[in-house]
Structures are given as C-alpha cells and as structure tokens.
C-alpha cells in the first residue's frame, strides 16, 4: 500500500466523520438540551401544581397524585419529541409500547387493580386523610392514600397497609364523614324500680352535659323486658369529636345517678326454688 492510498483512506475517514457529526451531532446536542430543559420544566410544573392545589385547599390526598401525573405527562411529551428528532416513528413506537403494556398488564393484574382502585379513591374520595374508618376488616385513622395502597394507624398506634383494591372493593365505614354521631347505650333497671323516675334521671344527666346536642333530641325509652332487667335505650347525639369522651362519661354517670336515685342496676341471675318431697318419695 503506497502513501497515496493511505492518504486517501484517511481523507475518506475524516470526510465520513464530518458527515456523521454534521448529520447527527446537532441532533444529539438538541436531544440532550431538550431532555435537560424538559426535566427542569416537568419539575417546575409539579411544584406549581402542588402549590396551586395547596393554596386552593384541595384535599391532601389529591395533591401528590395530580402533581405526579402532571410531572410524568410532561416527561412523556419530552421523550416523544426527542425520539422525533432522530426520525423514529412515534406511532409505531406507541403500538409497540401498547403491546408490551398489554402483556405486562396481564402479568400484573393485581397491581393494576390496586392502581385503578387508588384512582377511584382519589377521584370520588369516600375516605380522606385524617378520617377514622373501618375498611377490609380493619379500623383506624387514614394517614395516607397512595396509588397502590391505603395506610391506617390503629388506636394503639399500629400501622396497617391495605391494598386499594380491598378498600374500594369492600364496604367502607367512615365514622368521620358526618359532623354528628349518635351514642347508643342500654341501661338496665330492676323490675321493682320506678321506670318514670329512671327516665327522668337519665334525661337530667343528658341535659346537664353540654356535649349532648338538643337537635336532634336524645331518645330515652323502654326497649326490652329482659330476663333480669328492664332495659332502657339511651341515644343522645353529639359532635363527632366528642363521641368517645361523652360515651365513657355518660356510662359512668348514668350508673352513679341511677343508683343515687334509688334504682338498682341488676345483673343476670337465676332464682332457685327448692321443693321438699315427701319422705320416701325417692325410694324405689
């Protein structure tokens, strides 16, 4: 190989490199710049959405969801634009991703059902952060509603993680939804006690406690003639935040006031009657 052939080969390589740089260099630089700018824009949009929703006093469980959705939508648009710079047909790419998504979806049916249930919980909001609820056989205060699961803290401070499909697909008891709650108590008095006097004592105790609401009016009535007692139902209304304190205080005070008023608090008992048989009755 002579010097001329070597020189022509070098010139050809340089020319090829120049053509590649001129053809793809600007595209690569543009793609990198677009990715950087897009990432910054996506972060700015996420912060802006978070700030706007917080300022609008949107439910706390919805803020991170919508902010994340806005962030990833912007990123998806940026990636699509970058692919277009390199001449990649995004329509065919979307078809490939769709087929791959179908396959992944079939393999992750449980996860996707939790995702779908999480979206429904965030949209319809049957429960909110801070509510005391009973879901999937568990009771506690909602601390977080994420895309895939709901977190509860029980009364004894145990964290429970429940998949959203179990939450949305089952019965939801939300004890914090309504502003007022009714307390249901049963007070038993003896059969020899004055029912009218017992009812008057109970009504007085309810009136004296400021936490008891007058509207709706409390209910005090004879509910049952039980085996060992006459059972009176006591059903006052209160604000939801006063429920447990009022329930516990009423249980104690009603017992003390009924006894002070001369009423007995009976307990289950049996009367045994001894019958004397004639002498020799048990002999064969």
Protein backbone atom coordinates (compact mmCIF):
# COMPACT_ATOMS: atom_id res chain seq x y z
CA UNK A 1 0.00 0.00 0.00
CA UNK A 2 1.56 3.31 -1.06
CA UNK A 3 1.36 6.67 0.64
CA UNK A 4 -1.31 7.92 -1.73
CA UNK A 5 -3.72 5.13 -0.83
CA UNK A 6 -3.14 5.73 2.87
CA UNK A 7 -3.78 9.42 2.42
CA UNK A 8 -6.99 8.83 0.50
CA UNK A 9 -8.17 6.40 3.20
CA UNK A 10 -7.54 8.95 5.93
CA UNK A 11 -9.31 11.62 3.95
CA UNK A 12 -12.27 9.30 3.48
CA UNK A 13 -12.47 8.54 7.20
CA UNK A 14 -12.31 12.22 8.05
CA UNK A 15 -14.98 13.02 5.50
CA UNK A 16 -17.22 10.27 6.92
CA UNK A 17 -16.72 11.56 10.45
CA UNK A 18 -17.54 15.09 9.34
CA UNK A 19 -20.70 13.85 7.63
CA UNK A 20 -21.76 11.94 10.77
CA UNK A 21 -21.11 14.92 13.02
CA UNK A 22 -22.92 17.29 10.69
CA UNK A 23 -25.84 14.89 10.36
CA UNK A 24 -26.25 13.64 13.95
CA UNK A 25 -24.19 15.98 16.10
CA UNK A 26 -26.71 18.78 16.21
CA UNK A 27 -29.49 16.28 16.79
CA UNK A 28 -27.68 14.70 19.73
CA UNK A 29 -26.92 18.11 21.22
CA UNK A 30 -30.52 19.18 20.66
CA UNK A 31 -31.85 15.97 22.23
CA UNK A 32 -29.67 16.36 25.33
CA UNK A 33 -30.67 20.00 25.66
CA UNK A 34 -34.33 19.10 25.21
CA UNK A 35 -34.11 16.40 27.89
CA UNK A 36 -32.47 18.79 30.34
CA UNK A 37 -34.96 21.58 29.67
CA UNK A 38 -37.87 19.12 29.76
CA UNK A 39 -36.77 17.69 33.10
CA UNK A 40 -36.50 21.17 34.57
CA UNK A 41 -39.88 22.14 33.13
CA UNK A 42 -41.51 18.97 34.48
CA UNK A 43 -40.16 19.67 37.96
CA UNK A 44 -41.32 23.28 37.79
CA UNK A 45 -44.80 22.20 36.69
CA UNK A 46 -45.00 19.65 39.51
CA UNK A 47 -44.09 22.29 42.08
CA UNK A 48 -46.53 24.75 40.55
CA UNK A 49 -49.38 22.22 40.62
CA UNK A 50 -48.58 21.33 44.24
CA UNK A 51 -48.52 24.99 45.24
CA UNK A 52 -51.74 25.80 43.38
CA UNK A 53 -53.66 22.85 44.80
CA UNK A 54 -52.40 23.54 48.32
CA UNK A 55 -53.39 27.19 48.02
CA UNK A 56 -56.84 26.12 46.80
CA UNK A 57 -57.16 23.93 49.96
CA UNK A 58 -57.51 20.77 47.88
CA UNK A 59 -57.72 17.52 49.83
CA UNK A 60 -54.24 16.49 50.97
CA UNK A 61 -54.54 13.05 49.38
CA UNK A 62 -55.12 14.53 45.91
CA UNK A 63 -52.18 16.97 45.80
CA UNK A 64 -49.30 14.46 45.29
CA UNK A 65 -51.40 12.43 42.84
CA UNK A 66 -52.15 15.31 40.44
CA UNK A 67 -48.66 16.76 40.82
CA UNK A 68 -47.07 13.42 39.87
CA UNK A 69 -49.45 12.98 36.96
CA UNK A 70 -48.50 16.42 35.57
CA UNK A 71 -44.80 15.62 36.01
CA UNK A 72 -44.90 12.34 34.09
CA UNK A 73 -47.15 13.71 31.33
CA UNK A 74 -44.57 16.43 30.62
CA UNK A 75 -41.76 13.87 30.63
CA UNK A 76 -43.68 11.66 28.19
CA UNK A 77 -44.11 14.60 25.80
CA UNK A 78 -40.39 15.42 26.06
CA UNK A 79 -39.32 11.84 25.34
CA UNK A 80 -41.65 11.70 22.34
CA UNK A 81 -40.12 14.93 20.98
CA UNK A 82 -36.57 13.58 21.44
CA UNK A 83 -37.42 10.41 19.54
CA UNK A 84 -38.87 12.52 16.73
CA UNK A 85 -35.54 14.35 16.39
CA UNK A 86 -33.88 11.07 15.41
CA UNK A 87 -36.57 10.24 12.86
CA UNK A 88 -38.17 7.48 14.92
CA UNK A 89 -41.83 6.96 14.06
CA UNK A 90 -43.61 7.56 17.36
CA UNK A 91 -46.83 5.96 16.10
CA UNK A 92 -45.18 2.59 15.63
CA UNK A 93 -43.36 3.03 18.91
CA UNK A 94 -46.63 3.68 20.67
CA UNK A 95 -48.02 0.49 19.13
CA UNK A 96 -45.04 -1.48 20.45
CA UNK A 97 -45.44 0.03 23.89
CA UNK A 98 -49.14 -0.75 23.77
CA UNK A 99 -48.50 -4.41 23.03
CA UNK A 100 -45.85 -4.55 25.75
CA UNK A 101 -48.20 -2.81 28.15
CA UNK A 102 -50.89 -5.40 27.45
CA UNK A 103 -48.50 -8.22 28.25
CA UNK A 104 -47.31 -6.52 31.42
CA UNK A 105 -50.90 -5.75 32.38
CA UNK A 106 -51.89 -9.39 32.16
CA UNK A 107 -48.95 -10.31 34.38
CA UNK A 108 -49.71 -7.58 36.91
CA UNK A 109 -53.48 -7.75 37.18
CA UNK A 110 -53.44 -7.41 40.97
CA UNK A 111 -51.16 -4.38 40.89
CA UNK A 112 -53.21 -2.71 38.16
CA UNK A 113 -56.44 -3.36 40.08
CA UNK A 114 -54.88 -1.64 43.10
CA UNK A 115 -53.85 1.25 40.83
CA UNK A 116 -57.36 1.57 39.36
CA UNK A 117 -58.91 1.42 42.83
CA UNK A 118 -56.45 4.08 44.03
CA UNK A 119 -57.50 6.39 41.21
CA UNK A 120 -61.18 5.86 42.11
CA UNK A 121 -60.48 6.57 45.78
CA UNK A 122 -58.69 9.79 44.88
CA UNK A 123 -61.43 10.90 42.49
CA UNK A 124 -64.57 10.04 44.49
CA UNK A 125 -62.93 10.38 47.93
CA UNK A 126 -65.13 8.15 50.11
CA UNK A 127 -62.32 8.46 52.66
CA UNK A 128 -59.82 11.21 53.32
CA UNK A 129 -56.61 11.65 55.24
CA UNK A 130 -57.48 12.07 58.93
CA UNK A 131 -60.78 10.12 58.77
CA UNK A 132 -61.42 7.29 61.22
CA UNK A 133 -62.66 4.41 59.07
CA UNK A 134 -63.30 0.70 59.04
CA UNK A 135 -62.20 -0.99 55.80
CA UNK A 136 -61.20 -4.53 54.87
CA UNK A 137 -61.91 -5.67 58.43
CA UNK A 138 -59.52 -3.09 59.94
CA UNK A 139 -60.29 0.13 61.82
CA UNK A 140 -58.01 3.13 62.15
CA UNK A 141 -57.20 6.69 61.13
CA UNK A 142 -56.26 7.25 57.47
CA UNK A 143 -52.72 8.61 57.26
CA UNK A 144 -52.07 8.29 53.52
CA UNK A 145 -53.89 7.28 50.32
CA UNK A 146 -51.34 6.36 47.67
CA UNK A 147 -51.82 4.95 44.19
CA UNK A 148 -51.48 1.33 45.29
CA UNK A 149 -52.36 1.18 48.99
CA UNK A 150 -54.02 2.96 51.89
CA UNK A 151 -52.26 3.42 55.23
CA UNK A 152 -54.12 3.31 58.56
CA UNK A 153 -52.94 3.94 62.12
CA UNK A 154 -54.93 1.98 64.69
CA UNK A 155 -55.91 3.27 68.12
CA UNK A 156 -52.88 1.53 69.66
CA UNK A 157 -50.61 3.12 67.02
CA UNK A 158 -50.08 0.14 64.71
CA UNK A 159 -49.53 0.96 61.02
CA UNK A 160 -51.68 -1.09 58.63
CA UNK A 161 -51.07 -1.15 54.86
CA UNK A 162 -54.17 -2.20 52.91
CA UNK A 163 -54.19 -2.70 49.10
CA UNK A 164 -56.55 -0.24 47.46
CA UNK A 165 -58.50 -2.99 45.68
CA UNK A 166 -59.60 -4.32 49.08
CA UNK A 167 -60.53 -0.84 50.26
CA UNK A 168 -62.58 0.25 47.25
CA UNK A 169 -63.97 -3.22 46.53
CA UNK A 170 -65.38 -3.73 50.04
CA UNK A 171 -67.66 -1.98 52.49
CA UNK A 172 -66.32 1.34 53.79
CA UNK A 173 -67.45 2.67 57.18
CA UNK A 174 -66.39 6.28 57.58
CA UNK A 175 -67.00 7.39 61.16
CA UNK A 176 -65.67 10.91 60.47
CA UNK A 177 -67.75 11.76 57.41
CA UNK A 178 -70.76 13.29 59.20
CA UNK A 179 -70.42 16.10 61.74
CA UNK A 180 -72.80 14.47 64.25
CA UNK A 181 -72.92 10.96 65.69
CA UNK A 182 -75.41 9.11 67.88
CA UNK A 183 -74.37 7.26 71.02
CA UNK A 184 -76.28 4.03 71.68
CA UNK A 185 -76.37 2.92 75.32
CA UNK A 186 -78.53 0.37 77.13
CA UNK A 187 -79.19 0.87 80.85
CA UNK A 188 -80.88 -1.90 82.80
CA UNK A 189 -83.01 -1.29 85.91
CA UNK A 190 -84.74 -3.74 88.20
CA UNK A 191 -88.33 -4.85 87.71
CA UNK A 192 -89.25 -3.26 91.02
CA UNK A 193 -87.83 0.16 90.11
CA UNK A 194 -89.90 3.17 89.00
CA UNK A 195 -89.46 3.42 85.22
CA UNK A 196 -90.65 7.01 85.06
CA UNK A 197 -88.17 8.10 87.73
CA UNK A 198 -85.34 6.30 85.94
CA UNK A 199 -86.16 8.03 82.67
CA UNK A 200 -86.28 11.42 84.42
CA UNK A 201 -82.84 10.83 85.95
CA UNK A 202 -81.37 9.84 82.57
CA UNK A 203 -82.88 12.87 80.82
CA UNK A 204 -81.48 15.18 83.52
CA UNK A 205 -77.99 13.72 83.15
CA UNK A 206 -78.14 14.23 79.38
CA UNK A 207 -79.29 17.86 79.74
CA UNK A 208 -76.52 18.70 82.19
CA UNK A 209 -73.76 17.65 79.81
CA UNK A 210 -73.01 20.45 77.31
CA UNK A 211 -71.68 17.97 74.78
CA UNK A 212 -75.15 16.46 74.31
CA UNK A 213 -76.97 18.09 71.39
CA UNK A 214 -80.57 19.19 71.70
CA UNK A 215 -81.17 18.83 67.96
CA UNK A 216 -81.73 16.01 67.21
CA UNK A 217 -83.26 15.41 70.61
CA UNK A 218 -81.97 12.42 72.59
CA UNK A 219 -84.12 9.31 72.83
CA UNK A 220 -84.82 7.54 76.14
CA UNK A 221 -87.32 4.69 76.02
CA UNK A 222 -88.11 1.21 77.29
CA UNK A 223 -86.56 -1.18 74.77
CA UNK A 224 -86.91 -4.64 76.27
CA UNK A 225 -88.25 -6.62 79.20
CA UNK A 226 -85.21 -8.83 79.57
CA UNK A 227 -84.70 -11.88 81.76
CA UNK A 228 -83.20 -9.96 84.68
CA UNK A 229 -83.85 -6.29 83.95
CA UNK A 230 -85.96 -3.67 82.24
CA UNK A 231 -83.66 -2.32 79.51
CA UNK A 232 -83.80 1.37 78.63
CA UNK A 233 -82.19 2.67 75.44
CA UNK A 234 -80.29 5.95 75.79
CA UNK A 235 -79.48 7.58 72.45
CA UNK A 236 -78.06 11.11 72.64
CA UNK A 237 -76.43 12.95 69.72
CA UNK A 238 -73.08 14.73 69.84
CA UNK A 239 -70.36 16.16 67.64
CA UNK A 240 -68.10 13.53 66.15
CA UNK A 241 -65.05 14.76 68.08
CA UNK A 242 -66.94 14.38 71.41
CA UNK A 243 -68.18 10.83 70.75
CA UNK A 244 -65.82 8.67 72.83
CA UNK A 245 -65.37 11.10 75.71
CA UNK A 246 -69.12 11.61 76.08
CA UNK A 247 -69.87 7.90 75.75
CA UNK A 248 -67.46 6.95 78.52
CA UNK A 249 -68.56 9.77 80.85
CA UNK A 250 -72.26 9.02 80.36
CA UNK A 251 -71.79 5.32 81.07
CA UNK A 252 -70.26 6.10 84.44
CA UNK A 253 -72.51 9.00 85.45
CA UNK A 254 -75.76 7.27 84.48
CA UNK A 255 -74.82 4.28 86.63
CA UNK A 256 -73.97 6.52 89.60
CA UNK A 257 -77.06 8.75 89.26
CA UNK A 258 -79.48 5.85 88.83
CA UNK A 259 -78.16 4.20 91.96
CA UNK A 260 -78.29 7.52 93.85
CA UNK A 261 -81.92 7.89 92.74
CA UNK A 262 -82.90 4.55 94.23
CA UNK A 263 -82.75 2.44 91.04
CA UNK A 264 -80.91 -0.84 91.02
CA UNK A 265 -78.53 -2.00 88.30
CA UNK A 266 -79.35 -5.70 88.03
CA UNK A 267 -77.12 -8.38 86.62
CA UNK A 268 -78.04 -11.76 85.10
CA UNK A 269 -79.25 -14.13 87.79
CA UNK A 270 -81.37 -17.24 88.33
CA UNK A 271 -83.84 -17.98 91.07
CA UNK A 272 -83.58 -21.48 92.51
CA UNK A 273 -86.69 -22.90 94.17
CA UNK A 274 -86.19 -25.90 96.48
CA UNK A 275 -89.17 -28.21 96.65
CA UNK A 276 -89.34 -30.60 99.61
CA UNK A 277 -90.56 -34.02 98.62
CA UNK A 278 -92.48 -36.29 100.95
CA UNK A 279 -90.32 -38.70 102.91
CA UNK A 280 -89.66 -41.86 100.94
CA UNK A 281 -90.65 -40.33 97.55
CA UNK A 282 -87.20 -41.02 96.09
CA UNK A 283 -87.08 -44.61 97.24
CA UNK A 284 -87.51 -47.34 94.70
